[in-house]
Structures are given as structure tokens and as C-alpha cells.
């Protein structure tokens, strides 16, 4: 429970931090292409995973659908985070190291 909250907050901090750095450095959003678009999709899954996890934590009872939705959304979020690593490396090599 506590580890999930920390993980989601760290992912959200990474998304917000990345958007802030890009805006401060280039004064635009979505210059990173797919990398930036994946980040926007991640925000939706972070919110879904956080709210469903918090709801289940506060209202403990036997469920079947909500834990499945929570787990699948967090699995998609994990896959998106791994995709961000790959696309982030490409952004770094193309836009940062080339300058």
C-alpha cells in the first residue's frame, strides 16, 4: 500500500519534472514527440491507479472487479514507464547530446 503510493508519486513527479525541464529549456511542450505523448497518457493511468488503490485501502471489503482494474491499469502504467525509458534515451541522444 505504502510502496504503491510512493511509486505513483515518483512517476507523477517524473512526468511533471520532465515537462518542467522541457519547457524551461525549449519553451515548448511536446517537442519530444512520442516521449511527451506517452507521459500525458501516463498521467491518466497514475490517477486511475492512485484513486482505485486509495479507495480500496479506505474501504476494505471483498471485491473482484476493482482489484483487477487496478492491477491491469498499473501493469499498463509499468509498460508505459518502460517505454519512456527507451524513448527518453532516444530524446537524450538526439536533442541533448547532438547540441
C-alpha atoms as a PDB file:
ATOM      1  CA  UNK A   1       0.000   0.000   0.000  1.00  0.00           C
ATOM      2  CA  UNK A   2       2.661   2.488   1.043  1.00  0.00           C
ATOM      3  CA  UNK A   3       5.018   1.367  -1.726  1.00  0.00           C
ATOM      4  CA  UNK A   4       2.284   1.877  -4.330  1.00  0.00           C
ATOM      5  CA  UNK A   5       1.700   5.454  -3.193  1.00  0.00           C
ATOM      6  CA  UNK A   6       5.416   6.195  -3.315  1.00  0.00           C
ATOM      7  CA  UNK A   7       5.725   4.624  -6.769  1.00  0.00           C
ATOM      8  CA  UNK A   8       2.824   6.573  -8.229  1.00  0.00           C
ATOM      9  CA  UNK A   9       4.040   9.823  -6.690  1.00  0.00           C
ATOM     10  CA  UNK A  10       7.527   9.185  -8.099  1.00  0.00           C
ATOM     11  CA  UNK A  11       6.094   8.553 -11.567  1.00  0.00           C
ATOM     12  CA  UNK A  12       3.966  11.696 -11.341  1.00  0.00           C
ATOM     13  CA  UNK A  13       6.989  13.665 -10.162  1.00  0.00           C
ATOM     14  CA  UNK A  14       8.971  12.359 -13.118  1.00  0.00           C
ATOM     15  CA  UNK A  15       6.290  13.371 -15.585  1.00  0.00           C
ATOM     16  CA  UNK A  16       5.895  16.826 -14.068  1.00  0.00           C
ATOM     17  CA  UNK A  17       9.642  17.284 -13.708  1.00  0.00           C
ATOM     18  CA  UNK A  18      10.231  16.278 -17.313  1.00  0.00           C
ATOM     19  CA  UNK A  19       7.576  18.659 -18.594  1.00  0.00           C
ATOM     20  CA  UNK A  20       9.027  21.464 -16.489  1.00  0.00           C
ATOM     21  CA  UNK A  21      12.587  20.894 -17.711  1.00  0.00           C
ATOM     22  CA  UNK A  22      11.481  20.719 -21.347  1.00  0.00           C
ATOM     23  CA  UNK A  23       9.516  23.943 -21.006  1.00  0.00           C
ATOM     24  CA  UNK A  24      12.341  25.754 -19.232  1.00  0.00           C
ATOM     25  CA  UNK A  25      14.937  24.590 -21.767  1.00  0.00           C
ATOM     26  CA  UNK A  26      12.970  24.826 -25.047  1.00  0.00           C
ATOM     27  CA  UNK A  27       9.899  26.981 -24.083  1.00  0.00           C
ATOM     28  CA  UNK A  28       7.501  24.493 -25.739  1.00  0.00           C
ATOM     29  CA  UNK A  29       5.632  21.332 -24.869  1.00  0.00           C
ATOM     30  CA  UNK A  30       5.673  18.027 -26.759  1.00  0.00           C
ATOM     31  CA  UNK A  31       8.916  18.760 -28.608  1.00  0.00           C
ATOM     32  CA  UNK A  32       9.979  15.252 -27.607  1.00  0.00           C
ATOM     33  CA  UNK A  33       7.306  13.620 -29.789  1.00  0.00           C
ATOM     34  CA  UNK A  34       6.220  10.166 -28.660  1.00  0.00           C
ATOM     35  CA  UNK A  35       8.037  10.547 -25.346  1.00  0.00           C
ATOM     36  CA  UNK A  36       5.868  13.507 -24.346  1.00  0.00           C
ATOM     37  CA  UNK A  37       2.661  11.917 -25.591  1.00  0.00           C
ATOM     38  CA  UNK A  38       3.302   8.773 -23.559  1.00  0.00           C
ATOM     39  CA  UNK A  39       3.792  10.994 -20.499  1.00  0.00           C
ATOM     40  CA  UNK A  40       0.318  12.506 -20.961  1.00  0.00           C
ATOM     41  CA  UNK A  41      -1.211   9.023 -21.201  1.00  0.00           C
ATOM     42  CA  UNK A  42       0.712   8.017 -18.075  1.00  0.00           C
ATOM     43  CA  UNK A  43      -0.957  10.818 -16.106  1.00  0.00           C
ATOM     44  CA  UNK A  44      -4.365   9.217 -16.695  1.00  0.00           C
ATOM     45  CA  UNK A  45      -3.134   5.809 -15.528  1.00  0.00           C
ATOM     46  CA  UNK A  46      -1.408   7.328 -12.484  1.00  0.00           C
ATOM     47  CA  UNK A  47      -4.697   8.956 -11.481  1.00  0.00           C
ATOM     48  CA  UNK A  48      -6.666   5.743 -12.091  1.00  0.00           C
ATOM     49  CA  UNK A  49      -4.188   3.605 -10.171  1.00  0.00           C
ATOM     50  CA  UNK A  50      -3.960   6.080  -7.314  1.00  0.00           C
ATOM     51  CA  UNK A  51      -7.672   6.644  -6.874  1.00  0.00           C
ATOM     52  CA  UNK A  52      -8.605   2.966  -7.161  1.00  0.00           C
ATOM     53  CA  UNK A  53      -5.841   1.970  -4.741  1.00  0.00           C
ATOM     54  CA  UNK A  54      -6.776   4.664  -2.262  1.00  0.00           C
ATOM     55  CA  UNK A  55     -10.453   3.711  -2.475  1.00  0.00           C
ATOM     56  CA  UNK A  56      -9.689   0.049  -1.830  1.00  0.00           C
ATOM     57  CA  UNK A  57      -7.371   0.984   1.033  1.00  0.00           C
ATOM     58  CA  UNK A  58     -10.006   3.157   2.733  1.00  0.00           C
ATOM     59  CA  UNK A  59     -12.982   0.819   2.078  1.00  0.00           C
ATOM     60  CA  UNK A  60     -11.743  -2.673   2.815  1.00  0.00           C
ATOM     61  CA  UNK A  61     -14.060  -5.444   1.669  1.00  0.00           C
ATOM     62  CA  UNK A  62     -14.061  -8.404  -0.678  1.00  0.00           C
ATOM     63  CA  UNK A  63     -14.010  -7.344  -4.351  1.00  0.00           C
ATOM     64  CA  UNK A  64     -13.285  -8.887  -7.704  1.00  0.00           C
ATOM     65  CA  UNK A  65     -13.570  -6.248 -10.444  1.00  0.00           C
ATOM     66  CA  UNK A  66     -11.848  -3.249  -8.851  1.00  0.00           C
ATOM     67  CA  UNK A  67      -8.620  -5.073  -7.909  1.00  0.00           C
ATOM     68  CA  UNK A  68      -8.456  -6.437 -11.452  1.00  0.00           C
ATOM     69  CA  UNK A  69      -8.941  -2.973 -12.960  1.00  0.00           C
ATOM     70  CA  UNK A  70      -6.393  -1.542 -10.509  1.00  0.00           C
ATOM     71  CA  UNK A  71      -3.816  -4.213 -11.309  1.00  0.00           C
ATOM     72  CA  UNK A  72      -4.276  -4.014 -15.068  1.00  0.00           C
ATOM     73  CA  UNK A  73      -4.065  -0.222 -15.087  1.00  0.00           C
ATOM     74  CA  UNK A  74      -0.852  -0.357 -13.073  1.00  0.00           C
ATOM     75  CA  UNK A  75       0.535  -3.026 -15.409  1.00  0.00           C
ATOM     76  CA  UNK A  76      -0.176  -0.747 -18.380  1.00  0.00           C
ATOM     77  CA  UNK A  77       1.473   2.079 -16.430  1.00  0.00           C
ATOM     78  CA  UNK A  78       4.568  -0.073 -15.895  1.00  0.00           C
ATOM     79  CA  UNK A  79       4.756  -0.860 -19.616  1.00  0.00           C
ATOM     80  CA  UNK A  80       4.395   2.833 -20.421  1.00  0.00           C
ATOM     81  CA  UNK A  81       7.153   3.682 -17.933  1.00  0.00           C
ATOM     82  CA  UNK A  82       9.467   1.176 -19.628  1.00  0.00           C
ATOM     83  CA  UNK A  83       8.590   2.716 -22.993  1.00  0.00           C
ATOM     84  CA  UNK A  84       9.501   6.107 -21.513  1.00  0.00           C
ATOM     85  CA  UNK A  85      12.960   4.765 -20.692  1.00  0.00           C
ATOM     86  CA  UNK A  86      13.504   3.744 -24.313  1.00  0.00           C
ATOM     87  CA  UNK A  87      12.064   6.908 -25.852  1.00  0.00           C
ATOM     88  CA  UNK A  88      13.775   9.060 -23.214  1.00  0.00           C
ATOM     89  CA  UNK A  89      17.143   7.655 -24.174  1.00  0.00           C
ATOM     90  CA  UNK A  90      16.404   8.496 -27.805  1.00  0.00           C
ATOM     91  CA  UNK A  91      15.370  12.039 -26.848  1.00  0.00           C
ATOM     92  CA  UNK A  92      18.530  12.431 -24.806  1.00  0.00           C
ATOM     93  CA  UNK A  93      20.831  11.274 -27.591  1.00  0.00           C
ATOM     94  CA  UNK A  94      19.056  13.250 -30.340  1.00  0.00           C
ATOM     95  CA  UNK A  95      18.170  16.518 -28.626  1.00  0.00           C
ATOM     96  CA  UNK A  96      20.697  16.843 -25.831  1.00  0.00           C
ATOM     97  CA  UNK A  97      23.915  15.183 -26.983  1.00  0.00           C
ATOM     98  CA  UNK A  98      23.624  16.482 -30.545  1.00  0.00           C
ATOM     99  CA  UNK A  99      23.567  20.141 -29.401  1.00  0.00           C
END
